[in-house]
């Protein structure tokens, strides 16, 4: 059976998509949902002066606003109804995961299976609403205090902005869940992916225009192209890298029959934390620059925040060191949250599995934790390299965020996941065709 599956996977032709009706429906649904998302990024908030907003955003685009604008596909720059994007939901999901490992009551819910997962998802939604209201209120107050951006400041503008931005986030959360269940791939990841890819042609055209004007040399542009290709190849290689632990299952007797022992593998990804460490590290380091830009807009360009921003500017040694340190920290921290060696060891012991040469139970948990720590060192180093090399070019060549390591990492990772799911649907469709042919042959023989 395994060899047949491998042969089918090797011979998959994307022309078979035309025959897979279920897959076509999922693809069209995903494209339609992403189109609705992109249309929402062009619907501005009521009561906003677009020209004043554009001028204000340009002065603050080097901070965390520029990063969020990249993830939202330009919705922050236009202050659209989807300006918060799906980020409050991602933050809420991470916070609930953190609390699950800390609070025994939430950990018990996690172990209850599907019913517990539904309750945790409901908690995540409530927390998303709270974070969205908090962030949208801060945005509304910031816009109103900036002067000429809001045409009619007052309580009505504050309330309408909070309701609109929070509603936009909740709609995107629902849309992401619909894409996950009725479309192709992870809905949340695809929404962020669509935001980055949508503005990528504009970023490329802007970079080529700077090259034509002489602001960026041709050598730098060619270097960026070579770097992007090398990073994509490196990301694909590292994201597929695994450390597989051999698991043996002993012989067992069921009734009068004796079943031979089985062998399987426990795959441990080299980068278990995914793209979370670069996103968190970027957000924390760009926060002082964002605060300083608002202070300078209000007429106060001095103080501790302004001094801190001067030392944490792009390309500065302090920025690079803290960026690498934060990426490594979050890589270890998030890996410890999403993967529990003790729980894995208990599950292996419950089903009779064991690692050769390692006693089941506590010793197995220690061994898995030791292996996971070692490969996380390589995973953290990989993330640091991927993010620091483009960061140098972004800083010294004045390139957009879209050429940074975080954006390339997200695009490549989501693409790999989506292609893998398409392959899975095509494989299932080919299996269904084989089963139908086998039934027809059996009926003819009869």
Protein backbone atom coordinates (compact mmCIF):
# COMPACT_ATOMS: atom_id res chain seq x y z
CA UNK A 1 0.00 0.00 0.00
CA UNK A 2 2.83 2.42 0.88
CA UNK A 3 4.63 1.76 -2.42
CA UNK A 4 1.40 2.37 -4.35
CA UNK A 5 0.85 5.65 -2.51
CA UNK A 6 4.42 6.75 -3.24
CA UNK A 7 3.97 5.86 -6.92
CA UNK A 8 0.72 7.83 -7.15
CA UNK A 9 2.27 10.82 -5.41
CA UNK A 10 5.23 10.74 -7.77
CA UNK A 11 2.98 10.63 -10.85
CA UNK A 12 0.53 13.33 -9.78
CA UNK A 13 -0.33 15.65 -12.63
CA UNK A 14 -2.00 18.96 -11.87
CA UNK A 15 -4.09 18.44 -14.99
CA UNK A 16 -6.04 15.95 -12.86
CA UNK A 17 -7.50 18.94 -10.97
CA UNK A 18 -9.99 19.34 -13.84
CA UNK A 19 -11.41 15.90 -13.01
CA UNK A 20 -11.46 16.39 -9.23
CA UNK A 21 -14.77 18.18 -8.67
CA UNK A 22 -14.37 18.45 -4.88
CA UNK A 23 -10.91 19.96 -5.22
CA UNK A 24 -12.13 22.48 -7.83
CA UNK A 25 -14.91 23.62 -5.50
CA UNK A 26 -12.42 24.11 -2.67
CA UNK A 27 -10.02 26.07 -4.87
CA UNK A 28 -12.77 28.36 -6.19
CA UNK A 29 -14.10 28.91 -2.66
CA UNK A 30 -10.61 29.84 -1.42
CA UNK A 31 -10.05 32.28 -4.30
CA UNK A 32 -13.48 33.86 -3.76
CA UNK A 33 -12.86 34.29 -0.02
CA UNK A 34 -9.44 35.88 -0.62
CA UNK A 35 -11.00 38.21 -3.21
CA UNK A 36 -13.53 39.38 -0.61
CA UNK A 37 -10.66 39.98 1.82
CA UNK A 38 -8.75 42.04 -0.72
CA UNK A 39 -11.84 44.16 -1.52
CA UNK A 40 -12.23 44.91 2.20
CA UNK A 41 -8.68 46.30 2.38
CA UNK A 42 -9.78 49.13 0.05
CA UNK A 43 -12.88 50.23 2.01
CA UNK A 44 -11.72 53.11 4.27
CA UNK A 45 -13.03 54.00 7.70
CA UNK A 46 -15.69 56.74 7.70
CA UNK A 47 -14.53 60.26 8.60
CA UNK A 48 -10.89 59.86 7.49
CA UNK A 49 -8.92 62.41 5.41
CA UNK A 50 -6.96 60.18 2.98
CA UNK A 51 -4.26 62.74 2.10
CA UNK A 52 -3.50 63.63 5.73
CA UNK A 53 -3.44 59.92 6.59
CA UNK A 54 -0.97 59.20 3.79
CA UNK A 55 1.40 61.93 4.95
CA UNK A 56 1.19 60.76 8.57
CA UNK A 57 1.75 57.13 7.63
CA UNK A 58 4.87 57.93 5.60
CA UNK A 59 6.50 59.41 8.71
CA UNK A 60 5.66 56.32 10.79
CA UNK A 61 6.08 53.60 8.15
CA UNK A 62 9.48 52.58 9.49
CA UNK A 63 7.97 51.29 12.72
CA UNK A 64 5.66 48.47 13.59
CA UNK A 65 2.98 50.08 11.39
CA UNK A 66 5.06 49.25 8.32
CA UNK A 67 5.28 45.62 9.40
CA UNK A 68 1.54 45.37 10.08
CA UNK A 69 0.82 47.17 6.81
CA UNK A 70 2.78 44.44 5.01
CA UNK A 71 0.79 41.68 6.74
CA UNK A 72 -2.53 43.43 6.03
CA UNK A 73 -1.84 44.03 2.35
CA UNK A 74 -1.78 47.83 2.65
CA UNK A 75 -4.97 48.07 4.75
CA UNK A 76 -3.16 50.01 7.51
CA UNK A 77 -1.83 52.56 5.04
CA UNK A 78 -5.37 53.12 3.74
CA UNK A 79 -6.90 52.70 7.25
CA UNK A 80 -9.43 50.27 5.82
CA UNK A 81 -12.05 48.27 7.71
CA UNK A 82 -9.58 45.32 7.75
CA UNK A 83 -6.72 47.43 9.15
CA UNK A 84 -6.34 45.17 12.21
CA UNK A 85 -6.28 42.18 9.89
CA UNK A 86 -6.21 38.75 11.55
CA UNK A 87 -3.41 39.72 14.00
CA UNK A 88 -5.65 39.96 17.14
CA UNK A 89 -6.82 36.40 16.48
CA UNK A 90 -3.24 35.17 16.10
CA UNK A 91 -2.25 36.94 19.34
CA UNK A 92 -5.27 35.46 21.14
CA UNK A 93 -4.42 31.96 19.88
CA UNK A 94 -0.85 32.26 21.14
CA UNK A 95 -1.99 33.61 24.53
CA UNK A 96 -4.47 30.73 24.95
CA UNK A 97 -1.72 28.24 24.06
CA UNK A 98 0.54 29.83 26.67
CA UNK A 99 -2.20 29.73 29.31
CA UNK A 100 -2.95 26.09 28.44
CA UNK A 101 0.54 25.11 29.55
CA UNK A 102 0.28 27.19 32.74
CA UNK A 103 -3.30 26.75 34.00
CA UNK A 104 -4.29 23.16 34.96
CA UNK A 105 -7.97 23.80 34.11
CA UNK A 106 -7.16 24.75 30.51
CA UNK A 107 -4.70 21.86 30.23
CA UNK A 108 -7.48 19.48 31.32
CA UNK A 109 -9.72 20.93 28.58
CA UNK A 110 -7.00 20.31 26.01
CA UNK A 111 -6.89 16.62 26.98
CA UNK A 112 -10.66 16.20 26.61
CA UNK A 113 -10.42 15.92 22.82
CA UNK A 114 -12.88 17.53 20.44
CA UNK A 115 -15.19 18.88 23.16
CA UNK A 116 -12.32 20.55 25.00
CA UNK A 117 -10.94 21.96 21.77
CA UNK A 118 -14.27 23.63 21.00
CA UNK A 119 -14.29 25.31 24.43
CA UNK A 120 -10.69 26.54 23.96
CA UNK A 121 -11.64 27.90 20.52
CA UNK A 122 -14.52 29.79 22.13
CA UNK A 123 -12.14 31.30 24.70
CA UNK A 124 -9.86 32.30 21.82
CA UNK A 125 -12.75 34.10 20.10
CA UNK A 126 -13.67 36.01 23.27
CA UNK A 127 -10.05 37.06 23.74
CA UNK A 128 -9.89 38.11 20.08
CA UNK A 129 -12.84 40.45 20.61
CA UNK A 130 -11.17 41.97 23.68
CA UNK A 131 -7.83 42.50 21.90
CA UNK A 132 -9.54 43.90 18.80
CA UNK A 133 -11.57 46.38 20.88
CA UNK A 134 -8.45 47.44 22.79
CA UNK A 135 -6.34 47.91 19.65
CA UNK A 136 -9.11 49.63 17.67
CA UNK A 137 -9.72 52.05 20.56
CA UNK A 138 -6.02 52.90 20.58
CA UNK A 139 -6.07 53.47 16.82
CA UNK A 140 -9.18 55.66 17.07
CA UNK A 141 -7.65 57.80 19.84
CA UNK A 142 -4.35 58.06 17.94
CA UNK A 143 -6.07 59.13 14.72
CA UNK A 144 -8.23 61.69 16.53
CA UNK A 145 -5.29 63.22 18.40
CA UNK A 146 -3.13 63.50 15.28
CA UNK A 147 -4.92 66.63 14.10
CA UNK A 148 -6.13 66.78 10.51
CA UNK A 149 -6.64 63.05 9.81
CA UNK A 150 -10.16 62.91 11.30
CA UNK A 151 -12.64 65.27 9.68
CA UNK A 152 -15.19 65.18 12.55
CA UNK A 153 -13.54 64.08 15.81
CA UNK A 154 -15.69 63.15 18.77
CA UNK A 155 -17.38 60.21 20.55
CA UNK A 156 -19.24 59.13 17.41
CA UNK A 157 -15.97 58.71 15.50
CA UNK A 158 -14.40 56.73 18.38
CA UNK A 159 -17.36 54.37 18.72
CA UNK A 160 -17.82 53.85 14.97
CA UNK A 161 -14.09 53.16 14.49
CA UNK A 162 -14.01 50.61 17.31
CA UNK A 163 -17.11 48.82 15.99
CA UNK A 164 -15.86 48.85 12.38
CA UNK A 165 -12.32 47.62 13.07
CA UNK A 166 -13.47 44.99 15.58
CA UNK A 167 -16.15 43.79 13.17
CA UNK A 168 -13.57 43.58 10.40
CA UNK A 169 -11.30 41.39 12.52
CA UNK A 170 -14.17 39.11 13.56
CA UNK A 171 -15.26 38.77 9.93
CA UNK A 172 -11.72 37.81 8.89
CA UNK A 173 -11.57 35.29 11.75
CA UNK A 174 -14.80 33.72 10.47
CA UNK A 175 -13.55 33.87 6.87
CA UNK A 176 -10.32 32.12 7.87
CA UNK A 177 -12.27 29.33 9.58
CA UNK A 178 -14.42 28.92 6.45
CA UNK A 179 -11.32 28.67 4.25
CA UNK A 180 -9.86 26.03 6.56
CA UNK A 181 -13.02 23.89 6.55
CA UNK A 182 -14.32 24.46 3.00
CA UNK A 183 -11.25 25.61 1.09
CA UNK A 184 -7.58 24.73 0.66
CA UNK A 185 -5.00 25.20 3.42
CA UNK A 186 -4.98 27.07 6.69
CA UNK A 187 -7.30 30.07 6.39
CA UNK A 188 -5.40 32.35 8.79
CA UNK A 189 -2.08 31.73 7.07
CA UNK A 190 -3.59 32.24 3.62
CA UNK A 191 -5.05 35.62 4.63
CA UNK A 192 -1.62 36.86 5.74
CA UNK A 193 -0.08 35.28 2.63
CA UNK A 194 -2.56 37.10 0.38
CA UNK A 195 -1.78 40.42 2.07
CA UNK A 196 1.97 40.05 1.49
CA UNK A 197 1.73 38.75 -2.08
CA UNK A 198 -0.83 41.39 -3.12
CA UNK A 199 1.59 44.27 -2.54
CA UNK A 200 4.68 42.38 -3.73
CA UNK A 201 4.38 43.56 -7.39
CA UNK A 202 4.11 47.18 -6.17
CA UNK A 203 7.24 46.71 -4.04
CA UNK A 204 9.13 45.19 -6.98
CA UNK A 205 8.04 48.00 -9.30
CA UNK A 206 9.10 50.60 -6.70
CA UNK A 207 12.50 48.98 -6.34
CA UNK A 208 13.04 48.90 -10.11
CA UNK A 209 12.02 52.56 -10.30
CA UNK A 210 14.61 53.42 -7.65
CA UNK A 211 17.15 51.53 -9.74
CA UNK A 212 16.17 53.50 -12.83
CA UNK A 213 16.57 56.76 -10.93
CA UNK A 214 19.98 55.68 -9.65
CA UNK A 215 18.99 55.55 -5.98
CA UNK A 216 19.78 51.81 -5.93
CA UNK A 217 22.55 50.29 -8.04
CA UNK A 218 21.93 47.47 -10.48
CA UNK A 219 24.36 45.28 -8.53
CA UNK A 220 22.19 45.61 -5.43
CA UNK A 221 19.02 44.71 -7.34
CA UNK A 222 20.70 41.63 -8.85
CA UNK A 223 21.98 40.73 -5.40
CA UNK A 224 18.44 40.92 -4.02
CA UNK A 225 17.17 38.57 -6.75
CA UNK A 226 19.95 36.06 -6.08
CA UNK A 227 19.37 36.36 -2.33
CA UNK A 228 15.62 35.77 -2.69
CA UNK A 229 16.16 32.62 -4.78
CA UNK A 230 18.77 31.31 -2.33
CA UNK A 231 16.51 32.03 0.67
CA UNK A 232 13.54 30.28 -0.95
CA UNK A 233 15.65 27.19 -1.64
CA UNK A 234 17.10 27.26 1.90
CA UNK A 235 13.66 27.71 3.51
CA UNK A 236 12.18 24.80 1.54
CA UNK A 237 15.09 22.57 2.54
CA UNK A 238 14.99 23.51 6.24
CA UNK A 239 11.19 23.42 6.57
CA UNK A 240 11.18 19.86 5.26
CA UNK A 241 14.05 18.80 7.54
CA UNK A 242 13.12 16.36 10.30
CA UNK A 243 14.77 14.32 13.01
CA UNK A 244 12.97 11.00 13.01
CA UNK A 245 13.09 8.92 16.19
CA UNK A 246 12.68 5.17 15.74
CA UNK A 247 9.66 3.77 17.64
CA UNK A 248 9.17 0.03 18.17
CA UNK A 249 5.91 -1.67 19.11
CA UNK A 250 6.21 -5.19 20.62
CA UNK A 251 4.39 -8.32 19.52
CA UNK A 252 0.82 -8.55 20.72
CA UNK A 253 -1.79 -11.27 20.84
CA UNK A 254 -5.42 -10.60 19.96
CA UNK A 255 -7.56 -13.68 20.60
CA UNK A 256 -5.78 -16.66 19.06
CA UNK A 257 -3.73 -14.60 16.62
CA UNK A 258 -0.22 -13.26 17.26
CA UNK A 259 0.63 -9.96 15.53
CA UNK A 260 4.24 -9.14 14.71
CA UNK A 261 5.87 -6.10 16.22
CA UNK A 262 5.72 -2.89 14.22
CA UNK A 263 8.19 -0.08 13.60
CA UNK A 264 7.38 3.58 13.03
CA UNK A 265 9.01 6.98 13.39
CA UNK A 266 8.34 10.03 15.54
CA UNK A 267 9.09 13.04 13.28
CA UNK A 268 10.48 16.14 14.99
CA UNK A 269 10.59 19.22 12.76
CA UNK A 270 13.78 21.21 12.76
CA UNK A 271 11.75 24.44 12.97
CA UNK A 272 8.85 23.59 15.26
CA UNK A 273 8.06 27.23 16.06
CA UNK A 274 7.40 28.24 12.42
CA UNK A 275 7.25 31.97 11.64
CA UNK A 276 6.18 33.11 15.13
CA UNK A 277 9.70 34.06 16.42
CA UNK A 278 10.53 36.56 13.62
CA UNK A 279 7.07 38.16 13.84
CA UNK A 280 7.28 38.63 17.61
CA UNK A 281 10.90 39.85 17.49
CA UNK A 282 10.13 42.38 14.73
CA UNK A 283 7.08 43.70 16.54
CA UNK A 284 8.92 44.23 19.83
CA UNK A 285 11.92 45.95 18.24
CA UNK A 286 9.82 48.20 16.01
CA UNK A 287 7.57 49.30 18.87
CA UNK A 288 9.94 52.08 20.12
CA UNK A 289 10.18 53.50 16.58
CA UNK A 290 6.40 53.63 16.33
CA UNK A 291 6.03 55.40 19.69
CA UNK A 292 8.75 57.86 18.74
CA UNK A 293 7.03 58.67 15.44
CA UNK A 294 3.78 59.50 17.26
CA UNK A 295 5.74 61.67 19.74
CA UNK A 296 7.43 63.56 16.92
CA UNK A 297 4.05 64.03 15.23
CA UNK A 298 2.83 65.60 18.44
CA UNK A 299 5.82 67.94 18.60
CA UNK A 300 7.96 66.02 21.12
CA UNK A 301 10.93 64.50 19.32
CA UNK A 302 13.17 64.08 22.37
CA UNK A 303 13.22 61.86 25.41
CA UNK A 304 14.08 58.29 26.35
CA UNK A 305 12.04 56.69 23.55
CA UNK A 306 13.70 58.86 20.89
CA UNK A 307 17.16 58.01 22.27
CA UNK A 308 16.30 54.30 22.38
CA UNK A 309 15.04 54.47 18.79
CA UNK A 310 18.32 56.01 17.66
CA UNK A 311 20.21 52.99 19.02
CA UNK A 312 17.66 50.48 17.70
CA UNK A 313 17.54 51.76 14.13
CA UNK A 314 17.69 49.37 11.18
CA UNK A 315 21.21 48.12 10.58
CA UNK A 316 22.54 49.30 13.94
CA UNK A 317 24.61 46.71 15.89
CA UNK A 318 22.26 46.88 18.90
CA UNK A 319 19.24 46.22 16.66
CA UNK A 320 20.88 43.25 14.95
CA UNK A 321 22.04 41.72 18.24
CA UNK A 322 18.64 42.08 19.93
CA UNK A 323 16.84 40.86 16.81
CA UNK A 324 18.91 37.67 16.73
CA UNK A 325 18.59 37.17 20.49
CA UNK A 326 14.79 37.62 20.45
CA UNK A 327 14.37 35.24 17.50
CA UNK A 328 16.40 32.56 19.30
CA UNK A 329 14.48 33.12 22.56
CA UNK A 330 11.04 32.88 20.94
CA UNK A 331 12.15 29.81 18.94
CA UNK A 332 12.90 27.92 22.17
CA UNK A 333 9.96 29.44 24.05
CA UNK A 334 7.31 28.68 21.45
CA UNK A 335 8.68 25.18 20.79
CA UNK A 336 8.33 24.42 24.49
CA UNK A 337 4.73 25.61 24.32
CA UNK A 338 3.55 23.67 21.25
CA UNK A 339 5.42 20.39 21.91
CA UNK A 340 5.26 18.53 25.24
CA UNK A 341 7.83 15.69 25.50
CA UNK A 342 6.19 14.30 28.65
CA UNK A 343 2.79 14.05 26.95
CA UNK A 344 4.37 12.35 23.91
CA UNK A 345 6.21 9.86 26.13
CA UNK A 346 2.99 9.06 28.02
CA UNK A 347 1.13 8.43 24.76
CA UNK A 348 3.88 6.10 23.54
CA UNK A 349 3.82 4.19 26.83
CA UNK A 350 0.01 3.93 26.72
CA UNK A 351 0.14 2.30 23.26
CA UNK A 352 3.11 0.06 24.08
CA UNK A 353 5.64 1.95 21.97
CA UNK A 354 9.24 2.57 23.03
CA UNK A 355 12.47 4.03 21.71
CA UNK A 356 15.16 1.30 21.42
CA UNK A 357 17.63 1.54 24.29
CA UNK A 358 15.47 4.04 26.26
CA UNK A 359 13.19 3.05 29.12
CA UNK A 360 9.52 4.08 28.67
CA UNK A 361 8.11 6.93 30.74
CA UNK A 362 10.34 9.56 32.32
CA UNK A 363 13.54 8.49 30.55
CA UNK A 364 11.79 8.65 27.15
CA UNK A 365 10.52 12.16 27.92
CA UNK A 366 14.05 13.28 28.88
CA UNK A 367 15.50 11.77 25.70
CA UNK A 368 12.88 13.43 23.45
CA UNK A 369 13.42 16.76 25.24
CA UNK A 370 17.20 16.44 24.75
CA UNK A 371 16.83 15.73 21.02
CA UNK A 372 14.26 18.52 20.63
CA UNK A 373 16.59 21.01 22.35
CA UNK A 374 19.45 20.13 20.03
CA UNK A 375 17.46 20.45 16.82
CA UNK A 376 15.86 23.68 18.09
CA UNK A 377 19.37 25.14 18.30
CA UNK A 378 19.72 24.47 14.56
CA UNK A 379 16.19 25.76 13.93
CA UNK A 380 16.86 28.99 15.82
CA UNK A 381 20.15 29.49 13.97
CA UNK A 382 18.33 28.93 10.67
CA UNK A 383 15.71 31.57 11.54
CA UNK A 384 18.40 34.05 12.60
CA UNK A 385 20.31 33.59 9.34
CA UNK A 386 17.15 33.82 7.21
CA UNK A 387 16.04 37.04 8.92
CA UNK A 388 19.35 38.86 9.43
CA UNK A 389 20.80 38.63 5.93
CA UNK A 390 17.77 40.27 4.22
CA UNK A 391 17.54 42.74 7.13
CA UNK A 392 21.00 44.05 6.22
CA UNK A 393 19.88 44.66 2.64
CA UNK A 394 16.59 46.22 3.76
CA UNK A 395 18.53 48.58 6.03
CA UNK A 396 21.46 49.56 3.84
CA UNK A 397 19.71 49.51 0.44
CA UNK A 398 16.42 51.08 1.65
CA UNK A 399 14.38 48.16 0.32
CA UNK A 400 10.75 47.55 1.40
CA UNK A 401 9.71 45.15 4.18
CA UNK A 402 8.52 42.74 1.51
CA UNK A 403 12.11 41.67 0.79
CA UNK A 404 12.75 40.83 4.43
CA UNK A 405 13.27 37.31 5.75
CA UNK A 406 9.95 37.25 7.65
CA UNK A 407 7.84 37.91 4.55
CA UNK A 408 9.74 35.38 2.42
CA UNK A 409 9.51 32.80 5.21
CA UNK A 410 5.73 33.23 5.47
CA UNK A 411 5.19 33.11 1.70
CA UNK A 412 7.31 29.98 1.18
CA UNK A 413 5.92 28.14 4.23
CA UNK A 414 2.26 28.81 3.33
CA UNK A 415 2.90 27.86 -0.30
CA UNK A 416 4.46 24.55 0.75
CA UNK A 417 1.54 23.78 3.08
CA UNK A 418 -1.07 24.63 0.42
CA UNK A 419 0.66 22.58 -2.28
CA UNK A 420 0.89 19.64 0.13
CA UNK A 421 -2.86 19.82 0.76
CA UNK A 422 -3.60 19.99 -2.98
CA UNK A 423 -1.43 16.90 -3.46
CA UNK A 424 -3.38 15.18 -0.69
CA UNK A 425 -6.72 15.89 -2.37
CA UNK A 426 -5.39 14.75 -5.74
CA UNK A 427 -4.04 11.57 -4.15
CA UNK A 428 -7.41 10.84 -2.52
CA UNK A 429 -9.18 11.48 -5.84
CA UNK A 430 -6.90 9.03 -7.66
CA UNK A 431 -7.51 6.43 -4.95
CA UNK A 432 -11.27 6.88 -5.39
CA UNK A 433 -10.85 6.33 -9.13
CA UNK A 434 -8.88 3.14 -8.54
CA UNK A 435 -11.51 1.83 -6.12
CA UNK A 436 -14.33 2.52 -8.62
CA UNK A 437 -12.42 0.75 -11.39
CA UNK A 438 -11.77 -2.24 -9.13
CA UNK A 439 -15.49 -2.48 -8.29
CA UNK A 440 -16.46 -2.28 -11.98
CA UNK A 441 -14.00 -5.04 -12.88
CA UNK A 442 -15.34 -7.21 -10.05
CA UNK A 443 -18.93 -6.68 -11.20
CA UNK A 444 -18.03 -7.60 -14.81
CA UNK A 445 -16.33 -10.81 -13.73
CA UNK A 446 -19.45 -11.84 -11.88
